[in-house]
Amino acid sequence: MIDEVVTKISAGNFALGRGETGVFHVSLVGRDDQDIAKRLHSLVGRNRRYKDFVFCYAPDQRAAFDRECEDFHDYGGTERLDNLAHPKRPMGTEWLCPRCNFYR
């Protein structure tokens, strides 16, 4: 299923969850800075809660990080998502979350 829609090696973002009657219920958001397909393969299907996914490619690491932060906040952060913590910035960067200026 993943290989049918994720056709290139690229940084990207994803949301995992379940689609029910035309509505996608987001449970977890994330990113991969190099290969979104590889990351999805490691997560989708391992937990019944993450049966389905949506994704988008990102032009670079910074765009992927910014989008992950935005998604994390838009979908309720640790209070509503299975994410255990705010997204971490890529190693070697000093980027701040575009929404809350979190430094991690």
Protein backbone atom coordinates (compact mmCIF):
# COMPACT_ATOMS: atom_id res chain seq x y z
CA MET A 1 0.00 0.00 0.00
CA ILE A 2 2.75 2.48 0.93
CA ASP A 3 4.87 1.76 -2.14
CA GLU A 4 1.88 2.42 -4.40
CA VAL A 5 1.53 6.04 -3.27
CA VAL A 6 4.96 7.01 -1.90
CA THR A 7 7.00 6.72 -5.07
CA LYS A 8 10.16 8.71 -4.40
CA ILE A 9 12.85 8.97 -1.75
CA SER A 10 12.28 12.30 -0.07
CA ALA A 11 11.88 14.10 3.21
CA GLY A 12 8.24 14.31 4.20
CA ASN A 13 5.50 14.43 6.78
CA PHE A 14 2.79 12.02 7.81
CA ALA A 15 -0.25 11.55 9.96
CA LEU A 16 -1.24 8.09 11.13
CA GLY A 17 -4.68 7.03 12.24
CA ARG A 18 -7.88 5.49 10.96
CA GLY A 19 -10.23 6.45 8.19
CA GLU A 20 -13.89 5.87 9.05
CA THR A 21 -16.87 6.87 6.91
CA GLY A 22 -15.01 9.57 5.03
CA VAL A 23 -13.27 11.04 8.08
CA PHE A 24 -9.60 10.56 8.94
CA HIS A 25 -8.93 10.43 12.69
CA VAL A 26 -5.32 11.49 13.36
CA SER A 27 -3.53 9.67 16.19
CA LEU A 28 0.14 10.43 15.51
CA VAL A 29 2.06 12.97 13.42
CA GLY A 30 5.68 12.86 12.35
CA ARG A 31 8.31 13.35 9.70
CA ASP A 32 11.36 11.83 8.14
CA ASP A 33 14.20 14.06 7.02
CA GLN A 34 15.38 11.71 4.25
CA ASP A 35 13.01 8.86 3.31
CA ILE A 36 9.34 9.18 4.21
CA ALA A 37 8.48 5.77 2.71
CA LYS A 38 10.99 3.98 4.91
CA ARG A 39 9.60 5.69 8.00
CA LEU A 40 6.02 4.81 7.08
CA HIS A 41 6.97 1.16 6.56
CA SER A 42 8.33 1.09 10.11
CA LEU A 43 5.05 2.37 11.57
CA VAL A 44 1.96 1.54 9.50
CA GLY A 45 0.31 -1.77 10.27
CA ARG A 46 2.27 -2.47 13.46
CA ASN A 47 -0.51 -1.04 15.60
CA ARG A 48 -4.21 -1.37 14.76
CA ARG A 49 -4.63 2.26 15.71
CA TYR A 50 -2.35 3.25 12.80
CA LYS A 51 -4.07 1.37 10.02
CA ASP A 52 -4.17 4.32 7.62
CA PHE A 53 -1.94 7.27 6.79
CA VAL A 54 -1.71 10.50 4.86
CA PHE A 55 1.59 12.04 3.80
CA CYS A 56 3.21 14.81 1.83
CA TYR A 57 6.69 15.27 0.47
CA ALA A 58 8.80 18.11 1.83
CA PRO A 59 11.34 20.04 -0.24
CA ASP A 60 13.92 19.94 2.58
CA GLN A 61 14.54 19.18 6.26
CA ARG A 62 13.46 22.61 7.42
CA ALA A 63 10.10 22.39 5.66
CA ALA A 64 9.54 18.91 7.12
CA PHE A 65 10.37 20.11 10.64
CA ASP A 66 8.14 23.19 10.38
CA ARG A 67 5.22 21.13 9.03
CA GLU A 68 5.60 18.50 11.76
CA CYS A 69 5.46 21.23 14.41
CA GLU A 70 2.40 22.81 12.81
CA ASP A 71 0.63 19.44 12.58
CA PHE A 72 1.56 18.62 16.18
CA HIS A 73 -0.09 21.82 17.40
CA ASP A 74 -3.06 21.67 14.98
CA TYR A 75 -4.01 18.15 16.08
CA GLY A 76 -3.79 18.79 19.82
CA GLY A 77 -0.22 18.03 20.85
CA THR A 78 0.45 15.48 23.56
CA GLU A 79 -3.02 15.99 25.03
CA ARG A 80 -4.80 14.53 21.99
CA LEU A 81 -2.13 12.68 20.00
CA ASP A 82 -0.08 9.58 20.76
CA ASN A 83 3.04 11.72 20.31
CA LEU A 84 4.89 11.63 23.64
CA ALA A 85 6.63 14.98 23.21
CA HIS A 86 6.96 18.04 21.02
CA PRO A 87 8.85 17.30 17.76
CA LYS A 88 12.63 17.42 18.03
CA ARG A 89 14.57 19.54 15.61
CA PRO A 90 17.14 17.82 13.40
CA MET A 91 20.55 17.34 14.99
CA GLY A 92 22.99 20.12 14.22
CA THR A 93 20.30 22.77 13.82
CA GLU A 94 19.11 25.50 16.13
CA TRP A 95 15.65 25.78 14.59
CA LEU A 96 12.73 26.76 16.77
CA CYS A 97 9.14 25.59 16.46
CA PRO A 98 7.32 28.12 14.24
CA ARG A 99 4.31 28.07 16.60
CA CYS A 100 5.70 28.11 20.14
CA ASN A 101 9.46 28.72 19.74
CA PHE A 102 10.10 25.45 21.58
CA TYR A 103 13.81 24.63 21.70
CA ARG A 104 14.48 20.90 21.77
